[in-house]
């Protein structure tokens, strides 16, 4: 009998953002939310040290109507073993909290390294942070703050965002 290693193909992180309305009410240029940090890879045994960041787009684009999500790359204990720059595909899922499971319409977006490059220059210049794979969270396509037929994304002033990072 041949033994095969289990290949884990992605790291999944669920971010619970409580008091979401306070994020929306603050002056946009001062708003940035950060998740706790975590490692990609099997059981965090190896991989990139990252966290999820949400910011308003006026940091980059001087508008008050949209939020972005991104992956911030932090200094980690395995950096010498990893391929640089970070070029992984990141999938963001905004979780629909509709009480009726069959009616849920999660919003899911897969962002490749190449796609993310158009947002990076402005953000790097203003914030001087690590690599990102940004994603436009709120736009005319979906309004996460209005619980209408498109989904219930804010419930009890809480938002859930799932992030998957390929290995």
Foldseek 3Di string as FASTA:
>chain_A
DDDDDDDDFKDKDKDKDALLVVQLPDDQLPHKDKGDWAAMDDVSPAHWIWIKMKGACCLQVNDSFWIKIKIFTDDDPHVVVDDPDDWWKKKKWWWFPPVPVVLTDIDIDIFTSVNQVVRPPRCCVRPVTHDIRMDIDDDPVDHQVDDDSNGPQADNRMIMMMMMITD
